[in-house]
Amino acid sequence: MSPSVAYMAALLLSATFAWAALAKFSDHPTTAGAFARLGLPAPGFLARAVPLAESGLVVLLIASPRAGGAVALCLLAAFSLILWRARHRGAPCSCFGGSGQRVHTSVVMARNAGLSLAALASLWAVPQLPSFAELVGVTTLLFLGLVVLALLDLRSRIGPLWDNRMVREGGDLPMEASR
């Protein structure tokens, strides 16, 4: 991987953490409530400390992408462990500030895995502009990742997107259910 592609990963990761921090800063009570539902100690304090840490990480990822990538990897691992632990209780995720109505699903873990890959890539980053081909490649990869996350999210909301079981002619029950 070229150092400029790795730097693009660091910049994308910094944008993600900036979005998360701004969302948490904009609604402190909701963030504190979400942290309380996750079972975290001192949710009011964490509702202020976490977005501050995320904001600092944004600056670190831009200024020193290798150090920022290492810190981001540690934070993402901690966030994933907290979410995994809360998953069995059905606690909602307010990772990006919202009210967190939804229960944690594989989408949250897939998103964190993708962000962790960006953090890993950042470990090889050197602040430099990418070539046009690198820019197209990373943009295409990012788009495909977002499509996969959207499909996982859609499946978690409405169930399987398709059903390969044969339908009985003239009816809507699968053949196995009609016997």
N, C-alpha and C. Protein backbone atom coordinates (compact mmCIF):
# COMPACT_ATOMS: atom_id res chain seq x y z
N MET A 1 0.84 -1.17 0.00
CA MET A 1 0.00 0.00 0.00
C MET A 1 0.89 1.23 0.00
N SER A 2 0.50 2.16 -0.85
CA SER A 2 1.32 3.37 -0.91
C SER A 2 1.04 4.26 0.30
N PRO A 3 2.05 5.02 0.71
CA PRO A 3 1.88 5.91 1.86
C PRO A 3 0.77 6.94 1.66
N SER A 4 0.56 7.39 0.41
CA SER A 4 -0.49 8.39 0.18
C SER A 4 -1.88 7.77 0.30
N VAL A 5 -2.05 6.51 -0.09
CA VAL A 5 -3.33 5.82 0.10
C VAL A 5 -3.57 5.63 1.59
N ALA A 6 -2.54 5.28 2.32
CA ALA A 6 -2.67 5.14 3.77
C ALA A 6 -3.04 6.47 4.41
N TYR A 7 -2.52 7.57 3.87
CA TYR A 7 -2.88 8.89 4.40
C TYR A 7 -4.34 9.21 4.11
N MET A 8 -4.82 8.80 2.95
CA MET A 8 -6.24 8.98 2.64
C MET A 8 -7.10 8.22 3.65
N ALA A 9 -6.67 7.02 4.03
CA ALA A 9 -7.40 6.25 5.04
C ALA A 9 -7.42 7.01 6.35
N ALA A 10 -6.30 7.64 6.71
CA ALA A 10 -6.24 8.43 7.95
C ALA A 10 -7.18 9.63 7.87
N LEU A 11 -7.25 10.27 6.71
CA LEU A 11 -8.14 11.42 6.56
C LEU A 11 -9.61 11.00 6.62
N LEU A 12 -9.94 9.88 6.00
CA LEU A 12 -11.32 9.37 6.08
C LEU A 12 -11.69 9.01 7.51
N LEU A 13 -10.75 8.40 8.20
CA LEU A 13 -10.97 8.04 9.60
C LEU A 13 -11.13 9.30 10.46
N SER A 14 -10.33 10.33 10.18
CA SER A 14 -10.47 11.57 10.95
C SER A 14 -11.83 12.22 10.70
N ALA A 15 -12.32 12.15 9.47
CA ALA A 15 -13.65 12.70 9.17
C ALA A 15 -14.74 11.93 9.93
N THR A 16 -14.58 10.63 10.04
CA THR A 16 -15.56 9.81 10.76
C THR A 16 -15.56 10.16 12.24
N PHE A 17 -14.39 10.29 12.83
CA PHE A 17 -14.32 10.66 14.25
C PHE A 17 -14.81 12.09 14.48
N ALA A 18 -14.59 12.98 13.52
CA ALA A 18 -15.10 14.35 13.65
C ALA A 18 -16.62 14.34 13.65
N TRP A 19 -17.22 13.56 12.78
CA TRP A 19 -18.67 13.44 12.70
C TRP A 19 -19.22 12.90 14.03
N ALA A 20 -18.58 11.85 14.52
CA ALA A 20 -19.03 11.24 15.79
C ALA A 20 -18.91 12.23 16.95
N ALA A 21 -17.80 12.96 17.01
CA ALA A 21 -17.60 13.93 18.09
C ALA A 21 -18.62 15.06 18.02
N LEU A 22 -18.86 15.59 16.84
CA LEU A 22 -19.83 16.68 16.69
C LEU A 22 -21.24 16.22 17.07
N ALA A 23 -21.57 15.00 16.69
CA ALA A 23 -22.89 14.48 17.03
C ALA A 23 -23.05 14.35 18.55
N LYS A 24 -22.01 13.89 19.22
CA LYS A 24 -22.07 13.75 20.68
C LYS A 24 -22.08 15.11 21.38
N PHE A 25 -21.27 16.05 20.88
CA PHE A 25 -21.24 17.40 21.46
C PHE A 25 -22.59 18.09 21.32
N SER A 26 -23.28 17.85 20.21
CA SER A 26 -24.51 18.58 19.92
C SER A 26 -25.68 18.19 20.82
N ASP A 27 -25.62 17.00 21.42
CA ASP A 27 -26.72 16.57 22.28
C ASP A 27 -26.18 15.80 23.47
N HIS A 28 -25.63 16.56 24.43
CA HIS A 28 -25.00 15.96 25.61
C HIS A 28 -25.97 15.06 26.39
N PRO A 29 -27.23 15.47 26.65
CA PRO A 29 -28.13 14.60 27.42
C PRO A 29 -28.39 13.25 26.76
N THR A 30 -28.58 13.26 25.45
CA THR A 30 -28.80 11.99 24.74
C THR A 30 -27.57 11.11 24.81
N THR A 31 -26.40 11.72 24.65
CA THR A 31 -25.15 10.96 24.72
C THR A 31 -24.96 10.36 26.11
N ALA A 32 -25.21 11.15 27.14
CA ALA A 32 -25.08 10.65 28.52
C ALA A 32 -26.07 9.51 28.77
N GLY A 33 -27.29 9.66 28.27
CA GLY A 33 -28.29 8.60 28.41
C GLY A 33 -27.88 7.33 27.69
N ALA A 34 -27.30 7.49 26.50
CA ALA A 34 -26.84 6.32 25.74
C ALA A 34 -25.71 5.61 26.49
N PHE A 35 -24.79 6.39 27.06
CA PHE A 35 -23.70 5.78 27.82
C PHE A 35 -24.23 5.07 29.06
N ALA A 36 -25.26 5.63 29.67
CA ALA A 36 -25.87 4.98 30.84
C ALA A 36 -26.52 3.65 30.43
N ARG A 37 -27.23 3.64 29.29
CA ARG A 37 -27.85 2.40 28.80
C ARG A 37 -26.82 1.35 28.43
N LEU A 38 -25.62 1.80 28.06
CA LEU A 38 -24.54 0.86 27.75
C LEU A 38 -23.92 0.30 29.03
N GLY A 39 -24.32 0.83 30.17
CA GLY A 39 -23.79 0.34 31.44
C GLY A 39 -22.44 0.90 31.80
N LEU A 40 -22.08 2.05 31.23
CA LEU A 40 -20.78 2.65 31.50
C LEU A 40 -20.84 3.48 32.79
N PRO A 41 -19.76 3.50 33.55
CA PRO A 41 -19.73 4.33 34.76
C PRO A 41 -19.59 5.81 34.39
N ALA A 42 -20.10 6.67 35.22
CA ALA A 42 -20.01 8.14 35.04
C ALA A 42 -20.40 8.57 33.62
N PRO A 43 -21.62 8.27 33.20
CA PRO A 43 -22.02 8.59 31.83
C PRO A 43 -21.98 10.09 31.51
N GLY A 44 -22.28 10.94 32.49
CA GLY A 44 -22.21 12.38 32.25
C GLY A 44 -20.80 12.85 31.93
N PHE A 45 -19.84 12.35 32.70
CA PHE A 45 -18.43 12.67 32.45
C PHE A 45 -17.99 12.13 31.10
N LEU A 46 -18.33 10.87 30.82
CA LEU A 46 -17.92 10.26 29.54
C LEU A 46 -18.56 10.96 28.34
N ALA A 47 -19.77 11.50 28.53
CA ALA A 47 -20.44 12.20 27.44
C ALA A 47 -19.68 13.46 27.03
N ARG A 48 -18.86 13.96 27.93
CA ARG A 48 -18.00 15.10 27.59
C ARG A 48 -16.59 14.65 27.20
N ALA A 49 -16.08 13.61 27.86
CA ALA A 49 -14.70 13.17 27.63
C ALA A 49 -14.54 12.45 26.29
N VAL A 50 -15.49 11.60 25.93
CA VAL A 50 -15.35 10.83 24.69
C VAL A 50 -15.30 11.73 23.46
N PRO A 51 -16.23 12.69 23.30
CA PRO A 51 -16.11 13.55 22.13
C PRO A 51 -14.85 14.43 22.14
N LEU A 52 -14.36 14.79 23.33
CA LEU A 52 -13.09 15.52 23.39
C LEU A 52 -11.95 14.64 22.90
N ALA A 53 -11.95 13.37 23.34
CA ALA A 53 -10.91 12.43 22.88
C ALA A 53 -11.01 12.21 21.37
N GLU A 54 -12.24 12.09 20.87
CA GLU A 54 -12.42 11.91 19.43
C GLU A 54 -11.94 13.14 18.66
N SER A 55 -12.19 14.32 19.20
CA SER A 55 -11.72 15.56 18.55
C SER A 55 -10.20 15.62 18.53
N GLY A 56 -9.58 15.25 19.63
CA GLY A 56 -8.11 15.20 19.66
C GLY A 56 -7.56 14.19 18.67
N LEU A 57 -8.26 13.08 18.52
CA LEU A 57 -7.83 12.07 17.57
C LEU A 57 -7.92 12.57 16.13
N VAL A 58 -8.91 13.40 15.85
CA VAL A 58 -9.03 13.99 14.51
C VAL A 58 -7.76 14.76 14.17
N VAL A 59 -7.33 15.60 15.10
CA VAL A 59 -6.11 16.40 14.88
C VAL A 59 -4.89 15.49 14.75
N LEU A 60 -4.80 14.48 15.61
CA LEU A 60 -3.65 13.57 15.58
C LEU A 60 -3.59 12.79 14.26
N LEU A 61 -4.73 12.34 13.76
CA LEU A 61 -4.75 11.59 12.50
C LEU A 61 -4.28 12.44 11.33
N ILE A 62 -4.56 13.73 11.37
CA ILE A 62 -4.13 14.61 10.29
C ILE A 62 -2.66 14.98 10.44
N ALA A 63 -2.24 15.32 11.65
CA ALA A 63 -0.87 15.78 11.89
C ALA A 63 0.14 14.64 11.92
N SER A 64 -0.22 13.55 12.54
CA SER A 64 0.68 12.41 12.66
C SER A 64 -0.14 11.13 12.45
N PRO A 65 -0.39 10.79 11.19
CA PRO A 65 -1.31 9.69 10.90
C PRO A 65 -0.89 8.34 11.48
N ARG A 66 0.38 8.11 11.61
CA ARG A 66 0.83 6.83 12.17
C ARG A 66 0.45 6.73 13.65
N ALA A 67 0.75 7.77 14.42
CA ALA A 67 0.37 7.77 15.84
C ALA A 67 -1.15 7.78 15.97
N GLY A 68 -1.83 8.58 15.15
CA GLY A 68 -3.28 8.63 15.17
C GLY A 68 -3.91 7.29 14.83
N GLY A 69 -3.32 6.58 13.89
CA GLY A 69 -3.83 5.26 13.53
C GLY A 69 -3.73 4.28 14.69
N ALA A 70 -2.62 4.35 15.42
CA ALA A 70 -2.45 3.46 16.58
C ALA A 70 -3.47 3.78 17.67
N VAL A 71 -3.67 5.07 17.94
CA VAL A 71 -4.64 5.47 18.96
C VAL A 71 -6.06 5.09 18.50
N ALA A 72 -6.36 5.34 17.23
CA ALA A 72 -7.69 5.00 16.69
C ALA A 72 -7.96 3.51 16.80
N LEU A 73 -6.96 2.71 16.53
CA LEU A 73 -7.12 1.26 16.62
C LEU A 73 -7.46 0.85 18.05
N CYS A 74 -6.79 1.44 19.02
CA CYS A 74 -7.08 1.15 20.43
C CYS A 74 -8.48 1.60 20.82
N LEU A 75 -8.87 2.82 20.40
CA LEU A 75 -10.20 3.32 20.72
C LEU A 75 -11.29 2.47 20.06
N LEU A 76 -11.08 2.10 18.81
CA LEU A 76 -12.07 1.27 18.12
C LEU A 76 -12.21 -0.10 18.78
N ALA A 77 -11.10 -0.65 19.24
CA ALA A 77 -11.17 -1.93 19.95
C ALA A 77 -11.96 -1.78 21.25
N ALA A 78 -11.71 -0.69 21.98
CA ALA A 78 -12.45 -0.46 23.23
C ALA A 78 -13.93 -0.23 22.94
N PHE A 79 -14.25 0.58 21.93
CA PHE A 79 -15.65 0.83 21.58
C PHE A 79 -16.34 -0.48 21.18
N SER A 80 -15.66 -1.30 20.39
CA SER A 80 -16.24 -2.56 19.93
C SER A 80 -16.50 -3.51 21.10
N LEU A 81 -15.56 -3.56 22.04
CA LEU A 81 -15.77 -4.42 23.22
C LEU A 81 -16.97 -3.95 24.05
N ILE A 82 -17.10 -2.65 24.22
CA ILE A 82 -18.24 -2.11 24.97
C ILE A 82 -19.54 -2.45 24.25
N LEU A 83 -19.57 -2.27 22.95
CA LEU A 83 -20.78 -2.56 22.18
C LEU A 83 -21.09 -4.05 22.17
N TRP A 84 -20.06 -4.86 22.07
CA TRP A 84 -20.27 -6.32 22.08
C TRP A 84 -20.85 -6.76 23.42
N ARG A 85 -20.34 -6.19 24.49
CA ARG A 85 -20.82 -6.53 25.82
C ARG A 85 -22.28 -6.09 25.99
N ALA A 86 -22.63 -4.95 25.46
CA ALA A 86 -23.99 -4.42 25.60
C ALA A 86 -24.97 -5.09 24.64
N ARG A 87 -24.47 -5.75 23.64
CA ARG A 87 -25.31 -6.33 22.60
C ARG A 87 -26.33 -7.32 23.17
N HIS A 88 -25.92 -8.17 24.09
CA HIS A 88 -26.84 -9.18 24.63
C HIS A 88 -27.97 -8.56 25.45
N ARG A 89 -27.76 -7.33 25.94
CA ARG A 89 -28.81 -6.64 26.70
C ARG A 89 -29.74 -5.86 25.78
N GLY A 90 -29.40 -5.75 24.51
CA GLY A 90 -30.22 -5.00 23.58
C GLY A 90 -30.08 -3.50 23.71
N ALA A 91 -28.98 -3.05 24.29
CA ALA A 91 -28.75 -1.61 24.46
C ALA A 91 -28.54 -0.97 23.09
N PRO A 92 -29.15 0.20 22.84
CA PRO A 92 -29.01 0.84 21.54
C PRO A 92 -27.65 1.51 21.38
N CYS A 93 -27.25 1.69 20.15
CA CYS A 93 -25.99 2.36 19.84
C CYS A 93 -26.26 3.81 19.51
N SER A 94 -25.58 4.70 20.18
CA SER A 94 -25.64 6.13 19.85
C SER A 94 -24.25 6.61 19.47
N CYS A 95 -23.57 5.79 18.69
CA CYS A 95 -22.18 6.04 18.34
C CYS A 95 -21.99 7.38 17.63
N PHE A 96 -22.99 7.76 16.85
CA PHE A 96 -22.87 9.01 16.11
C PHE A 96 -23.88 10.02 16.62
N GLY A 97 -24.21 9.91 17.92
CA GLY A 97 -25.01 10.92 18.58
C GLY A 97 -26.50 10.71 18.61
N GLY A 98 -27.09 10.05 17.64
CA GLY A 98 -28.54 9.94 17.57
C GLY A 98 -29.16 9.32 18.80
N SER A 99 -30.46 9.19 18.76
CA SER A 99 -31.18 8.67 19.92
C SER A 99 -30.93 7.19 20.13
N GLY A 100 -30.37 6.52 19.14
CA GLY A 100 -29.99 5.13 19.32
C GLY A 100 -31.17 4.21 19.52
N GLN A 101 -32.19 4.33 18.70
CA GLN A 101 -33.38 3.51 18.84
C GLN A 101 -33.10 2.05 18.49
N ARG A 102 -32.17 1.80 17.60
CA ARG A 102 -31.91 0.45 17.12
C ARG A 102 -31.02 -0.32 18.06
N VAL A 103 -31.22 -1.62 18.07
CA VAL A 103 -30.38 -2.53 18.84
C VAL A 103 -29.10 -2.77 18.05
N HIS A 104 -28.02 -3.04 18.75
CA HIS A 104 -26.76 -3.34 18.07
C HIS A 104 -26.93 -4.54 17.16
N THR A 105 -26.38 -4.44 15.99
CA THR A 105 -26.45 -5.53 15.03
C THR A 105 -25.06 -5.77 14.47
N SER A 106 -25.00 -6.69 13.54
CA SER A 106 -23.74 -6.95 12.86
C SER A 106 -23.27 -5.73 12.08
N VAL A 107 -24.18 -4.82 11.77
CA VAL A 107 -23.80 -3.60 11.04
C VAL A 107 -22.81 -2.78 11.84
N VAL A 108 -23.05 -2.64 13.14
CA VAL A 108 -22.16 -1.85 13.99
C VAL A 108 -20.78 -2.48 14.03
N MET A 109 -20.74 -3.79 14.18
CA MET A 109 -19.45 -4.48 14.23
C MET A 109 -18.75 -4.44 12.87
N ALA A 110 -19.52 -4.55 11.78
CA ALA A 110 -18.92 -4.46 10.44
C ALA A 110 -18.35 -3.06 10.21
N ARG A 111 -19.09 -2.05 10.65
CA ARG A 111 -18.60 -0.67 10.51
C ARG A 111 -17.30 -0.49 11.29
N ASN A 112 -17.27 -0.98 12.53
CA ASN A 112 -16.06 -0.85 13.32
C ASN A 112 -14.90 -1.64 12.73
N ALA A 113 -15.19 -2.77 12.12
CA ALA A 113 -14.13 -3.54 11.45
C ALA A 113 -13.56 -2.74 10.28
N GLY A 114 -14.42 -2.10 9.51
CA GLY A 114 -13.95 -1.27 8.40
C GLY A 114 -13.13 -0.09 8.87
N LEU A 115 -13.59 0.54 9.94
CA LEU A 115 -12.82 1.66 10.51
C LEU A 115 -11.49 1.18 11.07
N SER A 116 -11.47 -0.03 11.62
CA SER A 116 -10.20 -0.60 12.13
C SER A 116 -9.23 -0.87 10.99
N LEU A 117 -9.74 -1.29 9.84
CA LEU A 117 -8.87 -1.48 8.68
C LEU A 117 -8.26 -0.14 8.24
N ALA A 118 -9.07 0.91 8.29
CA ALA A 118 -8.54 2.25 7.96
C ALA A 118 -7.48 2.66 8.97
N ALA A 119 -7.71 2.33 10.25
CA ALA A 119 -6.71 2.66 11.28
C ALA A 119 -5.42 1.88 11.04
N LEU A 120 -5.55 0.61 10.68
CA LEU A 120 -4.36 -0.19 10.36
C LEU A 120 -3.61 0.40 9.18
N ALA A 121 -4.33 0.80 8.15
CA ALA A 121 -3.69 1.40 6.97
C ALA A 121 -2.96 2.69 7.35
N SER A 122 -3.53 3.43 8.31
CA SER A 122 -2.92 4.69 8.73
C SER A 122 -1.53 4.50 9.32
N LEU A 123 -1.24 3.30 9.78
CA LEU A 123 0.08 3.04 10.37
C LEU A 123 1.20 3.16 9.35
N TRP A 124 0.87 3.14 8.06
CA TRP A 124 1.86 3.27 7.00
C TRP A 124 1.76 4.60 6.29
N ALA A 125 1.02 5.53 6.85
CA ALA A 125 0.72 6.79 6.16
C ALA A 125 1.86 7.78 6.22
N VAL A 126 1.97 8.52 5.14
CA VAL A 126 2.86 9.67 5.04
C VAL A 126 2.02 10.79 4.45
N PRO A 127 1.98 11.96 5.09
CA PRO A 127 1.14 13.05 4.56
C PRO A 127 1.60 13.50 3.18
N GLN A 128 0.93 13.02 2.16
CA GLN A 128 1.22 13.43 0.79
C GLN A 128 -0.03 13.21 -0.06
N LEU A 129 -0.13 13.95 -1.13
CA LEU A 129 -1.29 13.84 -2.00
C LEU A 129 -1.24 12.54 -2.80
N PRO A 130 -2.39 11.88 -2.97
CA PRO A 130 -2.42 10.65 -3.75
C PRO A 130 -2.49 10.96 -5.25
N SER A 131 -2.16 9.96 -6.05
CA SER A 131 -2.33 10.10 -7.50
C SER A 131 -3.82 9.97 -7.83
N PHE A 132 -4.16 10.31 -9.05
CA PHE A 132 -5.57 10.21 -9.46
C PHE A 132 -6.04 8.76 -9.39
N ALA A 133 -5.21 7.83 -9.84
CA ALA A 133 -5.59 6.41 -9.80
C ALA A 133 -5.81 5.93 -8.37
N GLU A 134 -4.97 6.37 -7.45
CA GLU A 134 -5.14 6.00 -6.05
C GLU A 134 -6.43 6.58 -5.49
N LEU A 135 -6.72 7.83 -5.85
CA LEU A 135 -7.94 8.48 -5.40
C LEU A 135 -9.18 7.74 -5.90
N VAL A 136 -9.18 7.33 -7.15
CA VAL A 136 -10.30 6.58 -7.71
C VAL A 136 -10.43 5.23 -7.02
N GLY A 137 -9.32 4.56 -6.81
CA GLY A 137 -9.35 3.25 -6.15
C GLY A 137 -9.90 3.31 -4.74
N VAL A 138 -9.44 4.27 -3.96
CA VAL A 138 -9.90 4.39 -2.57
C VAL A 138 -11.37 4.82 -2.55
N THR A 139 -11.75 5.72 -3.44
CA THR A 139 -13.15 6.15 -3.49
C THR A 139 -14.06 4.99 -3.87
N THR A 140 -13.65 4.17 -4.80
CA THR A 140 -14.43 3.00 -5.19
C THR A 140 -14.54 2.02 -4.04
N LEU A 141 -13.45 1.77 -3.35
CA LEU A 141 -13.47 0.87 -2.20
C LEU A 141 -14.37 1.41 -1.09
N LEU A 142 -14.30 2.69 -0.84
CA LEU A 142 -15.16 3.32 0.17
C LEU A 142 -16.63 3.18 -0.22
N PHE A 143 -16.94 3.43 -1.49
CA PHE A 143 -18.31 3.30 -1.96
C PHE A 143 -18.82 1.87 -1.80
N LEU A 144 -18.01 0.90 -2.17
CA LEU A 144 -18.42 -0.51 -2.03
C LEU A 144 -18.64 -0.87 -0.55
N GLY A 145 -17.78 -0.37 0.31
CA GLY A 145 -17.95 -0.62 1.74
C GLY A 145 -19.25 -0.03 2.26
N LEU A 146 -19.58 1.17 1.81
CA LEU A 146 -20.83 1.81 2.23
C LEU A 146 -22.04 1.05 1.71
N VAL A 147 -21.95 0.52 0.50
CA VAL A 147 -23.05 -0.29 -0.05
C VAL A 147 -23.25 -1.55 0.79
N VAL A 148 -22.16 -2.22 1.15
CA VAL A 148 -22.26 -3.42 1.98
C VAL A 148 -22.89 -3.09 3.33
N LEU A 149 -22.45 -2.00 3.95
CA LEU A 149 -23.05 -1.59 5.23
C LEU A 149 -24.53 -1.25 5.08
N ALA A 150 -24.88 -0.60 3.99
CA ALA A 150 -26.30 -0.27 3.76
C ALA A 150 -27.13 -1.53 3.59
N LEU A 151 -26.60 -2.52 2.85
CA LEU A 151 -27.33 -3.78 2.67
C LEU A 151 -27.45 -4.54 3.99
N LEU A 152 -26.39 -4.55 4.79
CA LEU A 152 -26.48 -5.19 6.11
C LEU A 152 -27.51 -4.49 6.99
N ASP A 153 -27.52 -3.18 6.94
CA ASP A 153 -28.48 -2.41 7.73
C ASP A 153 -29.90 -2.69 7.26
N LEU A 154 -30.11 -2.72 5.96
CA LEU A 154 -31.44 -3.01 5.42
C LEU A 154 -31.90 -4.40 5.84
N ARG A 155 -31.00 -5.37 5.76
CA ARG A 155 -31.34 -6.73 6.16
C ARG A 155 -31.68 -6.79 7.65
N SER A 156 -30.96 -6.03 8.48
CA SER A 156 -31.25 -6.05 9.92
C SER A 156 -32.60 -5.41 10.22
N ARG A 157 -33.05 -4.51 9.35
CA ARG A 157 -34.33 -3.83 9.58
C ARG A 157 -35.53 -4.61 9.05
N ILE A 158 -35.37 -5.25 7.87
CA ILE A 158 -36.54 -5.89 7.24
C ILE A 158 -36.39 -7.39 7.08
N GLY A 159 -35.26 -7.95 7.46
CA GLY A 159 -35.04 -9.38 7.29
C GLY A 159 -34.32 -9.66 5.98
N PRO A 160 -34.27 -10.93 5.58
CA PRO A 160 -33.57 -11.29 4.35
C PRO A 160 -34.11 -10.52 3.15
N LEU A 161 -33.22 -10.15 2.25
CA LEU A 161 -33.60 -9.38 1.09
C LEU A 161 -34.22 -10.25 0.00
N TRP A 162 -33.98 -11.53 0.08
CA TRP A 162 -34.58 -12.46 -0.86
C TRP A 162 -34.71 -13.81 -0.20
N ASP A 163 -35.58 -14.64 -0.76
CA ASP A 163 -35.83 -15.96 -0.20
C ASP A 163 -35.76 -16.95 -1.35
N ASN A 164 -34.87 -17.90 -1.28
CA ASN A 164 -34.67 -18.85 -2.36
C ASN A 164 -35.60 -20.05 -2.30
N ARG A 165 -36.44 -20.13 -1.29
CA ARG A 165 -37.36 -21.25 -1.22
C ARG A 165 -38.41 -21.12 -2.32
N MET A 166 -38.80 -22.25 -2.87
CA MET A 166 -39.80 -22.24 -3.95
C MET A 166 -41.18 -21.96 -3.38
N VAL A 167 -41.95 -21.18 -4.10
CA VAL A 167 -43.30 -20.84 -3.69
C VAL A 167 -44.27 -21.75 -4.43
N ARG A 168 -45.26 -22.26 -3.71
CA ARG A 168 -46.29 -23.12 -4.29
C ARG A 168 -47.05 -22.32 -5.34
N GLU A 169 -47.35 -22.92 -6.47
CA GLU A 169 -48.05 -22.24 -7.54
C GLU A 169 -49.43 -21.80 -7.06
N GLY A 170 -49.76 -20.55 -7.31
CA GLY A 170 -51.05 -20.01 -6.94
C GLY A 170 -51.13 -19.59 -5.48
N GLY A 171 -50.11 -19.78 -4.72
CA GLY A 171 -50.14 -19.41 -3.31
C GLY A 171 -48.90 -18.65 -2.93
N ASP A 172 -48.83 -18.28 -1.69
CA ASP A 172 -47.66 -17.52 -1.26
C ASP A 172 -46.91 -18.22 -0.13
N LEU A 173 -47.23 -19.49 0.12
CA LEU A 173 -46.50 -20.24 1.14
C LEU A 173 -45.38 -21.03 0.49
N PRO A 174 -44.23 -21.11 1.13
CA PRO A 174 -43.17 -21.98 0.59
C PRO A 174 -43.65 -23.42 0.55
N MET A 175 -43.11 -24.19 -0.38
CA MET A 175 -43.55 -25.56 -0.58
C MET A 175 -43.43 -26.39 0.69
N GLU A 176 -42.37 -26.17 1.48
CA GLU A 176 -42.20 -26.95 2.70
C GLU A 176 -43.34 -26.69 3.70
N ALA A 177 -43.82 -25.46 3.74
CA ALA A 177 -44.87 -25.09 4.69
C ALA A 177 -46.24 -25.58 4.26
N SER A 178 -46.41 -25.90 2.97
CA SER A 178 -47.72 -26.31 2.48
C SER A 178 -48.02 -27.77 2.73
N ARG A 179 -47.06 -28.55 3.15
CA ARG A 179 -47.27 -29.99 3.37
C ARG A 179 -47.88 -30.28 4.67
